[in-house]
Structures are given as C-alpha cells and as structure tokens.
PDB file of all heavy atoms in Angstrom:
ATOM      1  N   CYS A   1       3.608  15.047  -6.420  1.00  0.00           N
ATOM      2  CA  CYS A   1       3.437  16.395  -6.966  1.00  0.00           C
ATOM      3  C   CYS A   1       3.934  17.421  -5.951  1.00  0.00           C
ATOM      4  O   CYS A   1       3.192  17.842  -5.055  1.00  0.00           O
ATOM      5  CB  CYS A   1       1.973  16.640  -7.311  1.00  0.00           C
ATOM      6  SG  CYS A   1       1.684  18.196  -8.175  1.00  0.00           S
ATOM      7  N   ILE A   2       5.216  17.801  -6.072  1.00  0.00           N
ATOM      8  CA  ILE A   2       5.811  18.799  -5.178  1.00  0.00           C
ATOM      9  C   ILE A   2       6.889  19.569  -5.938  1.00  0.00           C
ATOM     10  O   ILE A   2       7.308  19.173  -7.026  1.00  0.00           O
ATOM     11  CB  ILE A   2       6.471  18.166  -3.928  1.00  0.00           C
ATOM     12  CG1 ILE A   2       7.524  17.118  -4.348  1.00  0.00           C
ATOM     13  CG2 ILE A   2       5.453  17.562  -2.987  1.00  0.00           C
ATOM     14  CD1 ILE A   2       8.422  16.673  -3.213  1.00  0.00           C
ATOM     15  N   ASP A   3       7.362  20.632  -5.339  1.00  0.00           N
ATOM     16  CA  ASP A   3       8.521  21.358  -5.838  1.00  0.00           C
ATOM     17  C   ASP A   3       9.779  20.646  -5.340  1.00  0.00           C
ATOM     18  O   ASP A   3       9.818  20.173  -4.201  1.00  0.00           O
ATOM     19  CB  ASP A   3       8.490  22.798  -5.319  1.00  0.00           C
ATOM     20  CG  ASP A   3       9.522  23.688  -5.993  1.00  0.00           C
ATOM     21  OD1 ASP A   3      10.725  23.400  -5.872  1.00  0.00           O
ATOM     22  OD2 ASP A   3       9.125  24.678  -6.619  1.00  0.00           O
ATOM     23  N   ALA A   4      10.800  20.593  -6.171  1.00  0.00           N
ATOM     24  CA  ALA A   4      12.020  19.862  -5.821  1.00  0.00           C
ATOM     25  C   ALA A   4      12.693  20.382  -4.555  1.00  0.00           C
ATOM     26  O   ALA A   4      13.378  19.623  -3.861  1.00  0.00           O
ATOM     27  CB  ALA A   4      13.010  19.917  -6.989  1.00  0.00           C
ATOM     28  N   ILE A   5      12.514  21.641  -4.241  1.00  0.00           N
ATOM     29  CA  ILE A   5      13.159  22.194  -3.050  1.00  0.00           C
ATOM     30  C   ILE A   5      12.619  21.562  -1.777  1.00  0.00           C
ATOM     31  O   ILE A   5      13.240  21.631  -0.711  1.00  0.00           O
ATOM     32  CB  ILE A   5      12.987  23.734  -3.006  1.00  0.00           C
ATOM     33  CG1 ILE A   5      14.039  24.383  -2.107  1.00  0.00           C
ATOM     34  CG2 ILE A   5      11.590  24.114  -2.587  1.00  0.00           C
ATOM     35  CD1 ILE A   5      15.455  24.241  -2.598  1.00  0.00           C
ATOM     36  N   GLU A   6      11.468  20.886  -1.870  1.00  0.00           N
ATOM     37  CA  GLU A   6      10.836  20.261  -0.704  1.00  0.00           C
ATOM     38  C   GLU A   6      11.261  18.804  -0.499  1.00  0.00           C
ATOM     39  O   GLU A   6      10.778  18.150   0.441  1.00  0.00           O
ATOM     40  CB  GLU A   6       9.312  20.312  -0.849  1.00  0.00           C
ATOM     41  CG  GLU A   6       8.726  21.705  -0.968  1.00  0.00           C
ATOM     42  CD  GLU A   6       7.229  21.668  -1.187  1.00  0.00           C
ATOM     43  OE1 GLU A   6       6.581  20.747  -0.661  1.00  0.00           O
ATOM     44  OE2 GLU A   6       6.714  22.539  -1.902  1.00  0.00           O
ATOM     45  N   LEU A   7      12.158  18.302  -1.330  1.00  0.00           N
ATOM     46  CA  LEU A   7      12.495  16.878  -1.278  1.00  0.00           C
ATOM     47  C   LEU A   7      13.049  16.434   0.072  1.00  0.00           C
ATOM     48  O   LEU A   7      12.832  15.298   0.496  1.00  0.00           O
ATOM     49  CB  LEU A   7      13.506  16.550  -2.375  1.00  0.00           C
ATOM     50  CG  LEU A   7      12.942  16.536  -3.799  1.00  0.00           C
ATOM     51  CD1 LEU A   7      14.069  16.426  -4.824  1.00  0.00           C
ATOM     52  CD2 LEU A   7      11.959  15.398  -3.974  1.00  0.00           C
ATOM     53  N   GLY A   8      13.762  17.323   0.752  1.00  0.00           N
ATOM     54  CA  GLY A   8      14.307  16.970   2.059  1.00  0.00           C
ATOM     55  C   GLY A   8      13.243  16.711   3.109  1.00  0.00           C
ATOM     56  O   GLY A   8      13.510  16.057   4.122  1.00  0.00           O
ATOM     57  N   ASN A   9      12.030  17.186   2.861  1.00  0.00           N
ATOM     58  CA  ASN A   9      10.917  16.938   3.770  1.00  0.00           C
ATOM     59  C   ASN A   9      10.169  15.649   3.447  1.00  0.00           C
ATOM     60  O   ASN A   9       9.297  15.227   4.204  1.00  0.00           O
ATOM     61  CB  ASN A   9       9.917  18.104   3.713  1.00  0.00           C
ATOM     62  CG  ASN A   9      10.527  19.420   4.129  1.00  0.00           C
ATOM     63  OD1 ASN A   9      11.356  19.467   5.043  1.00  0.00           O
ATOM     64  ND2 ASN A   9      10.142  20.504   3.458  1.00  0.00           N
ATOM     65  N   VAL A  10      10.521  15.049   2.322  1.00  0.00           N
ATOM     66  CA  VAL A  10       9.787  13.890   1.816  1.00  0.00           C
ATOM     67  C   VAL A  10      10.603  12.600   1.902  1.00  0.00           C
ATOM     68  O   VAL A  10      10.062  11.530   2.158  1.00  0.00           O
ATOM     69  CB  VAL A  10       9.360  14.148   0.351  1.00  0.00           C
ATOM     70  CG1 VAL A  10       8.747  12.906  -0.265  1.00  0.00           C
ATOM     71  CG2 VAL A  10       8.378  15.311   0.282  1.00  0.00           C
ATOM     72  N   PHE A  11      11.910  12.706   1.693  1.00  0.00           N
ATOM     73  CA  PHE A  11      12.790  11.524   1.714  1.00  0.00           C
ATOM     74  C   PHE A  11      13.891  11.703   2.757  1.00  0.00           C
ATOM     75  O   PHE A  11      14.278  12.824   3.074  1.00  0.00           O
ATOM     76  CB  PHE A  11      13.444  11.306   0.352  1.00  0.00           C
ATOM     77  CG  PHE A  11      12.481  11.079  -0.775  1.00  0.00           C
ATOM     78  CD1 PHE A  11      12.241  12.081  -1.706  1.00  0.00           C
ATOM     79  CD2 PHE A  11      11.804   9.877  -0.914  1.00  0.00           C
ATOM     80  CE1 PHE A  11      11.354  11.889  -2.752  1.00  0.00           C
ATOM     81  CE2 PHE A  11      10.916   9.672  -1.946  1.00  0.00           C
ATOM     82  CZ  PHE A  11      10.688  10.685  -2.871  1.00  0.00           C
ATOM     83  N   GLU A  12      14.385  10.565   3.238  1.00  0.00           N
ATOM     84  CA  GLU A  12      15.510  10.582   4.169  1.00  0.00           C
ATOM     85  C   GLU A  12      16.437   9.408   3.866  1.00  0.00           C
ATOM     86  O   GLU A  12      16.136   8.268   4.198  1.00  0.00           O
ATOM     87  CB  GLU A  12      15.036  10.511   5.618  1.00  0.00           C
ATOM     88  CG  GLU A  12      16.176  10.610   6.625  1.00  0.00           C
ATOM     89  CD  GLU A  12      15.678  10.666   8.058  1.00  0.00           C
ATOM     90  OE1 GLU A  12      14.468  10.485   8.272  1.00  0.00           O
ATOM     91  OE2 GLU A  12      16.502  10.876   8.956  1.00  0.00           O
ATOM     92  N   LYS A  13      17.531   9.697   3.182  1.00  0.00           N
ATOM     93  CA  LYS A  13      18.570   8.706   2.890  1.00  0.00           C
ATOM     94  C   LYS A  13      17.981   7.420   2.318  1.00  0.00           C
ATOM     95  O   LYS A  13      18.183   6.324   2.837  1.00  0.00           O
ATOM     96  CB  LYS A  13      19.400   8.415   4.142  1.00  0.00           C
ATOM     97  CG  LYS A  13      20.148   9.642   4.662  1.00  0.00           C
ATOM     98  CD  LYS A  13      21.126   9.297   5.746  1.00  0.00           C
ATOM     99  CE  LYS A  13      21.846  10.545   6.256  1.00  0.00           C
ATOM    100  NZ  LYS A  13      22.547  11.307   5.201  1.00  0.00           N
ATOM    101  N   GLU A  14      17.245   7.547   1.207  1.00  0.00           N
ATOM    102  CA  GLU A  14      16.647   6.360   0.595  1.00  0.00           C
ATOM    103  C   GLU A  14      16.652   6.385  -0.927  1.00  0.00           C
ATOM    104  O   GLU A  14      16.092   5.484  -1.557  1.00  0.00           O
ATOM    105  CB  GLU A  14      15.209   6.174   1.109  1.00  0.00           C
ATOM    106  CG  GLU A  14      14.344   7.412   1.057  1.00  0.00           C
ATOM    107  CD  GLU A  14      13.125   7.305   1.973  1.00  0.00           C
ATOM    108  OE1 GLU A  14      12.552   6.213   2.105  1.00  0.00           O
ATOM    109  OE2 GLU A  14      12.757   8.339   2.571  1.00  0.00           O
ATOM    110  N   ILE A  15      17.321   7.371  -1.536  1.00  0.00           N
ATOM    111  CA  ILE A  15      17.386   7.468  -2.990  1.00  0.00           C
ATOM    112  C   ILE A  15      18.763   7.036  -3.482  1.00  0.00           C
ATOM    113  O   ILE A  15      19.788   7.485  -2.965  1.00  0.00           O
ATOM    114  CB  ILE A  15      17.096   8.905  -3.464  1.00  0.00           C
ATOM    115  CG1 ILE A  15      15.722   9.373  -2.965  1.00  0.00           C
ATOM    116  CG2 ILE A  15      17.196   9.005  -4.983  1.00  0.00           C
ATOM    117  CD1 ILE A  15      14.561   8.520  -3.438  1.00  0.00           C
ATOM    118  N   GLU A  16      18.795   6.176  -4.488  1.00  0.00           N
ATOM    119  CA  GLU A  16      20.069   5.708  -5.039  1.00  0.00           C
ATOM    120  C   GLU A  16      20.564   6.593  -6.187  1.00  0.00           C
ATOM    121  O   GLU A  16      21.745   6.904  -6.283  1.00  0.00           O
ATOM    122  CB  GLU A  16      19.935   4.270  -5.538  1.00  0.00           C
ATOM    123  CG  GLU A  16      21.256   3.702  -6.064  1.00  0.00           C
ATOM    124  CD  GLU A  16      21.100   2.306  -6.644  1.00  0.00           C
ATOM    125  OE1 GLU A  16      20.600   2.184  -7.767  1.00  0.00           O
ATOM    126  OE2 GLU A  16      21.485   1.345  -5.950  1.00  0.00           O
ATOM    127  N   THR A  17      19.654   6.988  -7.075  1.00  0.00           N
ATOM    128  CA  THR A  17      20.022   7.757  -8.270  1.00  0.00           C
ATOM    129  C   THR A  17      18.993   8.845  -8.525  1.00  0.00           C
ATOM    130  O   THR A  17      17.796   8.626  -8.343  1.00  0.00           O
ATOM    131  CB  THR A  17      20.106   6.832  -9.507  1.00  0.00           C
ATOM    132  OG1 THR A  17      21.103   5.839  -9.286  1.00  0.00           O
ATOM    133  CG2 THR A  17      20.466   7.625 -10.765  1.00  0.00           C
ATOM    134  N   ILE A  18      19.480  10.022  -8.960  1.00  0.00           N
ATOM    135  CA  ILE A  18      18.602  11.119  -9.362  1.00  0.00           C
ATOM    136  C   ILE A  18      18.783  11.379 -10.848  1.00  0.00           C
ATOM    137  O   ILE A  18      19.913  11.466 -11.344  1.00  0.00           O
ATOM    138  CB  ILE A  18      18.912  12.405  -8.575  1.00  0.00           C
ATOM    139  CG1 ILE A  18      18.442  12.273  -7.125  1.00  0.00           C
ATOM    140  CG2 ILE A  18      18.257  13.630  -9.221  1.00  0.00           C
ATOM    141  CD1 ILE A  18      18.795  13.469  -6.248  1.00  0.00           C
ATOM    142  N   TYR A  19      17.669  11.506 -11.570  1.00  0.00           N
ATOM    143  CA  TYR A  19      17.688  11.854 -12.995  1.00  0.00           C
ATOM    144  C   TYR A  19      17.183  13.286 -13.165  1.00  0.00           C
ATOM    145  O   TYR A  19      16.114  13.635 -12.644  1.00  0.00           O
ATOM    146  CB  TYR A  19      16.786  10.919 -13.805  1.00  0.00           C
ATOM    147  CG  TYR A  19      17.164   9.463 -13.741  1.00  0.00           C
ATOM    148  CD1 TYR A  19      16.487   8.590 -12.887  1.00  0.00           C
ATOM    149  CD2 TYR A  19      18.188   8.950 -14.536  1.00  0.00           C
ATOM    150  CE1 TYR A  19      16.827   7.240 -12.822  1.00  0.00           C
ATOM    151  CE2 TYR A  19      18.526   7.603 -14.476  1.00  0.00           C
ATOM    152  CZ  TYR A  19      17.850   6.765 -13.618  1.00  0.00           C
ATOM    153  OH  TYR A  19      18.178   5.438 -13.551  1.00  0.00           O
ATOM    154  N   LEU A  20      17.938  14.078 -13.901  1.00  0.00           N
ATOM    155  CA  LEU A  20      17.546  15.442 -14.247  1.00  0.00           C
ATOM    156  C   LEU A  20      17.480  15.529 -15.766  1.00  0.00           C
ATOM    157  O   LEU A  20      18.502  15.683 -16.441  1.00  0.00           O
ATOM    158  CB  LEU A  20      18.565  16.453 -13.695  1.00  0.00           C
ATOM    159  CG  LEU A  20      18.825  16.402 -12.184  1.00  0.00           C
ATOM    160  CD1 LEU A  20      19.934  17.383 -11.808  1.00  0.00           C
ATOM    161  CD2 LEU A  20      17.554  16.706 -11.397  1.00  0.00           C
ATOM    162  N   ASN A  21      16.299  15.385 -16.295  1.00  0.00           N
ATOM    163  CA  ASN A  21      16.119  15.316 -17.749  1.00  0.00           C
ATOM    164  C   ASN A  21      15.498  16.604 -18.290  1.00  0.00           C
ATOM    165  O   ASN A  21      14.359  16.926 -17.978  1.00  0.00           O
ATOM    166  CB  ASN A  21      15.213  14.130 -18.114  1.00  0.00           C
ATOM    167  CG  ASN A  21      15.851  12.799 -17.778  1.00  0.00           C
ATOM    168  OD1 ASN A  21      17.039  12.593 -17.991  1.00  0.00           O
ATOM    169  ND2 ASN A  21      15.054  11.879 -17.244  1.00  0.00           N
ATOM    170  N   PHE A  22      16.273  17.331 -19.074  1.00  0.00           N
ATOM    171  CA  PHE A  22      15.776  18.524 -19.769  1.00  0.00           C
ATOM    172  C   PHE A  22      15.104  19.494 -18.801  1.00  0.00           C
ATOM    173  O   PHE A  22      14.002  19.983 -19.037  1.00  0.00           O
ATOM    174  CB  PHE A  22      14.856  18.116 -20.922  1.00  0.00           C
ATOM    175  CG  PHE A  22      15.579  17.228 -21.904  1.00  0.00           C
ATOM    176  CD1 PHE A  22      15.538  15.845 -21.762  1.00  0.00           C
ATOM    177  CD2 PHE A  22      16.334  17.763 -22.922  1.00  0.00           C
ATOM    178  CE1 PHE A  22      16.235  15.011 -22.633  1.00  0.00           C
ATOM    179  CE2 PHE A  22      17.036  16.949 -23.797  1.00  0.00           C
ATOM    180  CZ  PHE A  22      16.991  15.573 -23.651  1.00  0.00           C
ATOM    181  N   SER A  23      15.815  19.746 -17.711  1.00  0.00           N
ATOM    182  CA  SER A  23      15.329  20.683 -16.707  1.00  0.00           C
ATOM    183  C   SER A  23      15.307  22.104 -17.274  1.00  0.00           C
ATOM    184  O   SER A  23      16.024  22.423 -18.225  1.00  0.00           O
ATOM    185  CB  SER A  23      16.246  20.650 -15.475  1.00  0.00           C
ATOM    186  OG  SER A  23      16.465  19.326 -15.035  1.00  0.00           O
ATOM    187  N   ASP A  24      14.509  22.956 -16.655  1.00  0.00           N
ATOM    188  CA  ASP A  24      14.479  24.367 -17.043  1.00  0.00           C
ATOM    189  C   ASP A  24      15.889  24.935 -16.899  1.00  0.00           C
ATOM    190  O   ASP A  24      16.482  24.867 -15.818  1.00  0.00           O
ATOM    191  CB  ASP A  24      13.518  25.129 -16.127  1.00  0.00           C
ATOM    192  CG  ASP A  24      13.203  26.527 -16.623  1.00  0.00           C
ATOM    193  OD1 ASP A  24      14.081  27.159 -17.238  1.00  0.00           O
ATOM    194  OD2 ASP A  24      12.071  26.996 -16.392  1.00  0.00           O
ATOM    195  N   PRO A  25      16.476  25.504 -17.963  1.00  0.00           N
ATOM    196  CA  PRO A  25      17.860  25.982 -17.895  1.00  0.00           C
ATOM    197  C   PRO A  25      18.047  27.284 -17.127  1.00  0.00           C
ATOM    198  O   PRO A  25      19.172  27.621 -16.762  1.00  0.00           O
ATOM    199  CB  PRO A  25      18.234  26.177 -19.373  1.00  0.00           C
ATOM    200  CG  PRO A  25      16.938  26.443 -20.055  1.00  0.00           C
ATOM    201  CD  PRO A  25      15.916  25.601 -19.326  1.00  0.00           C
ATOM    202  N   TRP A  26      16.975  28.026 -16.876  1.00  0.00           N
ATOM    203  CA  TRP A  26      17.089  29.318 -16.196  1.00  0.00           C
ATOM    204  C   TRP A  26      18.315  30.075 -16.692  1.00  0.00           C
ATOM    205  O   TRP A  26      19.289  30.260 -15.965  1.00  0.00           O
ATOM    206  CB  TRP A  26      17.161  29.124 -14.673  1.00  0.00           C
ATOM    207  CG  TRP A  26      15.914  28.571 -14.077  1.00  0.00           C
ATOM    208  CD1 TRP A  26      15.706  27.303 -13.634  1.00  0.00           C
ATOM    209  CD2 TRP A  26      14.677  29.261 -13.863  1.00  0.00           C
ATOM    210  NE1 TRP A  26      14.414  27.144 -13.158  1.00  0.00           N
ATOM    211  CE2 TRP A  26      13.760  28.349 -13.285  1.00  0.00           C
ATOM    212  CE3 TRP A  26      14.248  30.579 -14.102  1.00  0.00           C
ATOM    213  CZ2 TRP A  26      12.453  28.699 -12.958  1.00  0.00           C
ATOM    214  CZ3 TRP A  26      12.934  30.923 -13.767  1.00  0.00           C
ATOM    215  CH2 TRP A  26      12.066  29.991 -13.197  1.00  0.00           C
ATOM    216  N   PRO A  27      18.321  30.518 -17.937  1.00  0.00           N
ATOM    217  CA  PRO A  27      19.527  31.065 -18.575  1.00  0.00           C
ATOM    218  C   PRO A  27      20.039  32.383 -18.004  1.00  0.00           C
ATOM    219  O   PRO A  27      21.247  32.661 -18.098  1.00  0.00           O
ATOM    220  CB  PRO A  27      19.097  31.231 -20.033  1.00  0.00           C
ATOM    221  CG  PRO A  27      17.607  31.361 -19.985  1.00  0.00           C
ATOM    222  CD  PRO A  27      17.174  30.487 -18.850  1.00  0.00           C
TER     223      PRO A  27
END
C-alpha cells in the first residue's frame, strides 16, 4: 500500500514486467 511515485524506494532492479490497468487518465 503505497503511492507509485515511491516505488524507487521499495524496489531495486528486480521487476520484470509492469502492468498499468485502467489507470486514472488525468485528462
């Protein structure tokens, strides 16, 4: 449970694929 902007503080070169499903479009 975090904001996506914080991902760099949580992971370090260990993700293979990112899924972005029906994200807020911020039109």
